[in-house]
Protein backbone atom coordinates (compact mmCIF):
# COMPACT_ATOMS: atom_id res chain seq x y z
CA UNK A 1 14.44 0.34 0.36
CA UNK A 2 12.85 -2.67 2.09
CA UNK A 3 9.92 -0.64 3.42
CA UNK A 4 9.19 0.68 -0.07
CA UNK A 5 9.53 -2.83 -1.53
CA UNK A 6 6.97 -3.97 1.04
CA UNK A 7 4.58 -1.17 0.06
CA UNK A 8 4.87 -2.04 -3.64
CA UNK A 9 4.46 -5.77 -2.94
CA UNK A 10 1.47 -5.46 -0.62
CA UNK A 11 -0.48 -2.88 -2.62
CA UNK A 12 0.50 -4.38 -5.96
CA UNK A 13 -0.59 -7.86 -4.95
CA UNK A 14 -4.01 -6.59 -3.88
CA UNK A 15 -4.46 -4.96 -7.28
CA UNK A 16 -3.14 -8.08 -9.06
CA UNK A 17 -5.63 -10.30 -7.25
CA UNK A 18 -8.48 -7.96 -8.16
CA UNK A 19 -7.46 -7.97 -11.83
CA UNK A 20 -7.07 -11.76 -11.82
CA UNK A 21 -10.52 -12.29 -10.30
CA UNK A 22 -12.18 -9.96 -12.83
CA UNK A 23 -10.48 -11.49 -15.85
CA UNK A 24 -10.91 -15.10 -14.71
CA UNK A 25 -14.63 -14.56 -14.15
CA UNK A 26 -15.14 -13.11 -17.62
CA UNK A 27 -13.17 -15.93 -19.24
CA UNK A 28 -15.00 -18.59 -17.25
CA UNK A 29 -18.43 -17.18 -18.16
CA UNK A 30 -17.55 -16.81 -21.84
CA UNK A 31 -17.58 -13.01 -21.87
CA UNK A 32 -14.21 -12.40 -23.52
CA UNK A 33 -15.77 -9.47 -25.37
CA UNK A 34 -15.80 -7.62 -22.04
CA UNK A 35 -12.05 -7.97 -21.50
CA UNK A 36 -11.16 -4.87 -23.52
CA UNK A 37 -13.27 -2.49 -21.38
CA UNK A 38 -11.82 -4.09 -18.26
CA UNK A 39 -8.25 -3.53 -19.47
CA UNK A 40 -9.21 0.02 -20.49
CA UNK A 41 -10.43 0.76 -16.97
CA UNK A 42 -7.28 -0.75 -15.47
CA UNK A 43 -5.10 1.31 -17.82
CA UNK A 44 -6.90 4.53 -16.87
CA UNK A 45 -6.50 3.72 -13.16
CA UNK A 46 -2.76 3.08 -13.51
CA UNK A 47 -2.29 6.24 -15.58
CA UNK A 48 -4.10 8.42 -13.05
CA UNK A 49 -2.11 6.90 -10.16
CA UNK A 50 1.17 7.62 -11.95
CA UNK A 51 0.04 11.14 -12.82
CA UNK A 52 -0.95 11.72 -9.18
CA UNK A 53 2.47 10.56 -8.02
CA UNK A 54 4.23 12.82 -10.52
CA UNK A 55 2.06 15.76 -9.46
CA UNK A 56 3.02 15.22 -5.83
CA UNK A 57 6.72 14.93 -6.62
CA UNK A 58 7.22 17.68 -9.18
CA UNK A 59 4.47 20.02 -8.03
CA UNK A 60 5.88 20.23 -4.51
CA UNK A 61 9.31 21.28 -5.84
CA UNK A 62 7.92 24.68 -6.83
CA UNK A 63 6.93 25.51 -3.26
CA UNK A 64 8.92 27.30 -0.57
CA UNK A 65 10.72 25.21 2.04
CA UNK A 66 8.04 25.86 4.67
CA UNK A 67 5.26 25.05 2.21
CA UNK A 68 7.03 21.84 1.15
CA UNK A 69 7.36 20.72 4.76
CA UNK A 70 3.73 21.59 5.50
CA UNK A 71 2.55 19.70 2.42
CA UNK A 72 4.80 16.73 3.15
CA UNK A 73 3.68 16.53 6.76
CA UNK A 74 -0.01 16.87 5.95
CA UNK A 75 0.10 14.25 3.19
CA UNK A 76 2.13 11.90 5.40
CA UNK A 77 -0.58 12.01 8.05
CA UNK A 78 -3.25 11.48 5.37
CA UNK A 79 -1.29 8.59 3.82
CA UNK A 80 -0.94 6.86 7.19
CA UNK A 81 -4.68 7.20 7.75
CA UNK A 82 -5.49 5.68 4.36
CA UNK A 83 -3.01 2.83 4.72
CA UNK A 84 -4.26 2.02 8.21
CA UNK A 85 -7.82 1.91 6.89
CA UNK A 86 -6.66 -0.26 3.97
CA UNK A 87 -4.93 -2.95 6.05
CA UNK A 88 -7.93 -3.24 8.39
CA UNK A 89 -10.34 -3.25 5.44
CA UNK A 90 -8.46 -6.07 3.72
CA UNK A 91 -8.27 -8.02 6.97
CA UNK A 92 -12.02 -7.73 7.42
CA UNK A 93 -13.34 -8.14 3.85
CA UNK A 94 -10.77 -10.23 1.96
CA UNK A 95 -12.80 -13.35 2.81
CA UNK A 96 -15.65 -12.05 0.64
CA UNK A 97 -13.59 -10.20 -1.98
CA UNK A 98 -14.29 -12.64 -4.80
CA UNK A 99 -18.09 -12.68 -4.39
CA UNK A 100 -18.19 -8.90 -4.00
CA UNK A 101 -16.26 -8.34 -7.24
CA UNK A 102 -18.38 -10.91 -9.10
CA UNK A 103 -21.55 -9.11 -8.01
CA UNK A 104 -20.26 -5.75 -9.22
CA UNK A 105 -19.10 -7.29 -12.50
CA UNK A 106 -22.48 -8.94 -13.15
CA UNK A 107 -24.20 -5.59 -12.63
CA UNK A 108 -21.73 -3.85 -14.95
CA UNK A 109 -22.21 -6.48 -17.67
CA UNK A 110 -25.92 -5.72 -17.68
CA UNK A 111 -25.29 -1.97 -17.92
CA UNK A 112 -22.80 -1.96 -20.80
CA UNK A 113 -19.25 -1.00 -21.77
CA UNK A 114 -19.02 2.22 -19.77
CA UNK A 115 -20.01 0.42 -16.58
CA UNK A 116 -17.33 -2.23 -17.19
CA UNK A 117 -14.66 0.45 -17.60
CA UNK A 118 -15.86 2.17 -14.42
CA UNK A 119 -15.92 -1.10 -12.46
CA UNK A 120 -12.33 -1.96 -13.37
CA UNK A 121 -11.21 1.63 -12.78
CA UNK A 122 -12.77 1.81 -9.32
CA UNK A 123 -11.55 -1.66 -8.34
CA UNK A 124 -7.92 -0.88 -9.20
CA UNK A 125 -7.85 2.91 -8.90
CA UNK A 126 -8.29 3.01 -5.13
CA UNK A 127 -5.22 0.86 -4.57
CA UNK A 128 -3.31 2.90 -7.16
CA UNK A 129 -4.01 6.28 -5.55
CA UNK A 130 -3.33 4.95 -2.05
CA UNK A 131 -0.07 3.43 -3.25
CA UNK A 132 1.04 6.65 -4.97
CA UNK A 133 0.32 8.74 -1.86
CA UNK A 134 1.92 6.35 0.64
CA UNK A 135 4.96 5.72 -1.58
CA UNK A 136 5.48 9.47 -1.98
CA UNK A 137 5.18 10.01 1.78
CA UNK A 138 7.53 7.10 2.55
CA UNK A 139 10.10 8.18 -0.04
CA UNK A 140 9.85 11.75 1.23
CA UNK A 141 10.56 10.50 4.76
CA UNK A 142 13.38 8.07 3.87
CA UNK A 143 15.01 9.58 0.79
CA UNK A 144 18.70 10.31 1.06
CA UNK A 145 19.12 11.62 -2.46
CA UNK A 146 19.48 8.18 -4.06
CA UNK A 147 16.97 6.31 -6.25
CA UNK A 148 16.89 3.32 -3.88
CA UNK A 149 13.39 3.99 -2.45
CA UNK A 150 11.85 4.11 -5.92
CA UNK A 151 13.83 1.02 -6.96
CA UNK A 152 12.36 -0.77 -3.94
CA UNK A 153 8.82 0.22 -4.98
CA UNK A 154 9.42 -0.88 -8.58
CA UNK A 155 10.79 -4.26 -7.45
CA UNK A 156 7.84 -4.73 -5.10
CA UNK A 157 5.32 -3.97 -7.85
CA UNK A 158 7.14 -6.27 -10.28
CA UNK A 159 7.07 -9.10 -7.72
CA UNK A 160 3.36 -8.49 -7.14
CA UNK A 161 2.59 -8.67 -10.86
CA UNK A 162 4.55 -11.92 -11.17
CA UNK A 163 2.77 -13.43 -8.16
CA UNK A 164 -0.61 -12.31 -9.51
CA UNK A 165 0.12 -13.97 -12.84
CA UNK A 166 1.22 -17.19 -11.12
CA UNK A 167 -1.97 -17.19 -9.04
CA UNK A 168 -4.02 -16.72 -12.19
CA UNK A 169 -2.29 -19.61 -13.92
CA UNK A 170 -2.74 -21.81 -10.86
CA UNK A 171 1.03 -22.31 -10.57
CA UNK A 172 1.39 -20.90 -7.06
CA UNK A 173 -0.43 -21.28 -3.77
CA UNK A 174 0.35 -19.41 -0.59
CA UNK A 175 -1.63 -18.74 2.56
CA UNK A 176 -2.88 -15.24 1.80
CA UNK A 177 -4.39 -14.99 5.28
CA UNK A 178 -0.94 -15.17 6.85
CA UNK A 179 0.63 -13.14 4.04
CA UNK A 180 -1.73 -10.18 4.47
CA UNK A 181 -1.53 -10.41 8.27
CA UNK A 182 2.27 -10.30 8.38
CA UNK A 183 2.68 -7.71 5.63
CA UNK A 184 -0.12 -5.64 7.15
CA UNK A 185 1.64 -5.70 10.51
CA UNK A 186 4.92 -4.64 8.92
CA UNK A 187 3.12 -1.85 7.04
CA UNK A 188 1.78 -0.57 10.36
CA UNK A 189 5.37 -0.37 11.62
CA UNK A 190 6.42 1.49 8.46
CA UNK A 191 3.40 3.79 8.78
CA UNK A 192 4.39 4.66 12.34
CA UNK A 193 7.74 5.92 11.07
CA UNK A 194 6.08 7.88 8.27
CA UNK A 195 3.65 9.43 10.74
CA UNK A 196 6.45 10.47 13.10
CA UNK A 197 8.40 12.01 10.21
CA UNK A 198 5.23 13.76 9.04
CA UNK A 199 4.89 15.48 12.40
CA UNK A 200 8.58 16.43 12.17
CA UNK A 201 7.80 18.09 8.82
CA UNK A 202 4.93 19.99 10.41
CA UNK A 203 7.30 21.15 13.13
CA UNK A 204 9.81 22.32 10.52
CA UNK A 205 7.00 24.19 8.77
CA UNK A 206 6.36 25.89 12.14
CA UNK A 207 2.82 24.55 12.24
CA UNK A 208 3.56 22.70 15.49
CA UNK A 209 6.05 23.85 18.16
CA UNK A 210 8.76 21.76 19.82
CA UNK A 211 11.28 21.29 16.98
CA UNK A 212 14.24 21.85 19.30
CA UNK A 213 12.81 19.73 22.12
CA UNK A 214 14.63 16.46 21.42
CA UNK A 215 13.64 13.21 23.10
CA UNK A 216 17.19 11.88 22.67
CA UNK A 217 20.16 12.20 20.33
CA UNK A 218 22.17 9.05 19.52
CA UNK A 219 23.69 10.35 16.31
CA UNK A 220 27.14 9.53 17.71
CA UNK A 221 26.13 5.92 18.37
CA UNK A 222 24.03 5.45 15.23
CA UNK A 223 25.45 7.81 12.58
CA UNK A 224 22.81 8.48 9.89
CA UNK A 225 25.39 7.86 7.13
CA UNK A 226 26.55 4.49 8.54
CA UNK A 227 25.36 1.23 6.97
CA UNK A 228 23.24 0.37 10.01
CA UNK A 229 21.90 3.91 10.27
CA UNK A 230 20.93 3.76 6.61
CA UNK A 231 19.34 0.34 7.14
CA UNK A 232 17.27 1.55 10.09
CA UNK A 233 16.27 4.64 8.16
CA UNK A 234 15.25 2.65 5.09
CA UNK A 235 13.27 -0.02 6.96
CA UNK A 236 11.74 1.88 9.89
CA UNK A 237 12.27 5.56 8.98
CA UNK A 238 14.40 5.66 12.11
CA UNK A 239 15.77 9.05 13.15
CA UNK A 240 18.62 9.21 15.71
CA UNK A 241 17.53 12.61 17.04
CA UNK A 242 13.71 12.69 17.15
CA UNK A 243 11.69 15.30 18.96
CA UNK A 244 9.55 14.45 21.97
CA UNK A 245 6.43 14.87 19.81
CA UNK A 246 7.73 12.40 17.20
CA UNK A 247 8.39 9.70 19.79
CA UNK A 248 5.03 10.31 21.43
CA UNK A 249 3.12 10.15 18.14
CA UNK A 250 5.04 7.04 17.04
CA UNK A 251 4.24 5.17 20.28
CA UNK A 252 0.60 6.29 20.48
CA UNK A 253 0.00 5.09 16.91
CA UNK A 254 2.08 1.92 16.79
CA UNK A 255 1.22 0.17 20.06
CA UNK A 256 -2.61 0.29 19.95
CA UNK A 257 -2.86 -0.07 16.17
CA UNK A 258 -0.59 -3.11 16.00
CA UNK A 259 -2.27 -4.68 19.03
CA UNK A 260 -5.75 -4.31 17.52
CA UNK A 261 -4.62 -5.43 14.07
CA UNK A 262 -2.99 -8.64 15.32
CA UNK A 263 -5.87 -9.51 17.67
CA UNK A 264 -8.17 -12.37 16.55
CA UNK A 265 -11.30 -11.30 14.67
CA UNK A 266 -13.33 -14.47 15.13
CA UNK A 267 -12.42 -16.33 11.95
CA UNK A 268 -10.30 -19.45 11.70
CA UNK A 269 -7.11 -18.44 9.94
CA UNK A 270 -6.84 -19.73 6.42
CA UNK A 271 -10.51 -20.72 6.00
CA UNK A 272 -11.47 -18.16 3.36
CA UNK A 273 -10.41 -18.83 -0.21
CA UNK A 274 -10.04 -16.86 -3.40
CA UNK A 275 -9.95 -19.05 -6.49
CA UNK A 276 -8.41 -17.53 -9.60
CA UNK A 277 -9.09 -19.66 -12.69
CA UNK A 278 -7.45 -19.19 -16.08
CA UNK A 279 -8.85 -20.00 -19.50
CA UNK A 280 -7.57 -23.58 -19.38
CA UNK A 281 -9.54 -24.19 -16.21
CA UNK A 282 -6.54 -24.54 -13.89
CA UNK A 283 -7.20 -23.33 -10.39
CA UNK A 284 -5.18 -21.64 -7.70
CA UNK A 285 -6.79 -21.51 -4.27
CA UNK A 286 -5.40 -19.07 -1.83
CA UNK A 287 -6.76 -18.58 1.70
CA UNK A 288 -7.70 -14.94 1.88
CA UNK A 289 -9.02 -14.34 5.36
CA UNK A 290 -6.45 -12.01 6.84
CA UNK A 291 -7.26 -12.79 10.41
């Protein structure tokens, strides 16, 4: 549940910041007439993300067991790739996020309503589709037949929306550089578990051999149905009897990716700022360089 809460919080907060920057800029420049197209684009993006998630969940149920495992494994690998790209992208470009969005919004304002809708849709839609895919892959890897993973996602998204609103109103300030660094690092750990489970799915689909070649089996020490087994499963997608391939993939992804992500990138932590200003002119400044 915690890993899915983290996914919802991290991805949701990125989308909330984007929405806050777009709306604050329009209010500040006196272009309230453009708010409706912006909200329309955001609504379309959210709807498509939800529809994509539902398609993944319900569409896969009609497949055979082997096809389900092949689909789950393939999408898990894809989701890990997208999330890895996302955390590095945010770490590198968050410093300039505000100016980049303002530039796109100025261009859209000159082009008309359709361009405004498209700008908002593209700004939010990418996070929405990535979130839907990674949440599905994570839930698929960690689900034990209970709704807890989805509850975790919903709570994370709700927290992100609340934080985004507080940023917009200028009522909350946190060091977003440290926030995105720590949550990005934790997402890399979660992604490593999803990737390992994805390769296990591909082995069960008989796409990759070695399903019976276990690296170790500590099911007697860490029973999957125990409270600590459930906790490890929910947070890290831990499996007490992984195959040699799963352990190898997990280590080859986690160690270099986490090392590179946490290495300095040449910026002083906390120097970049994103200022979200509401209609009363109150300001919330949050350092956004995720170095």
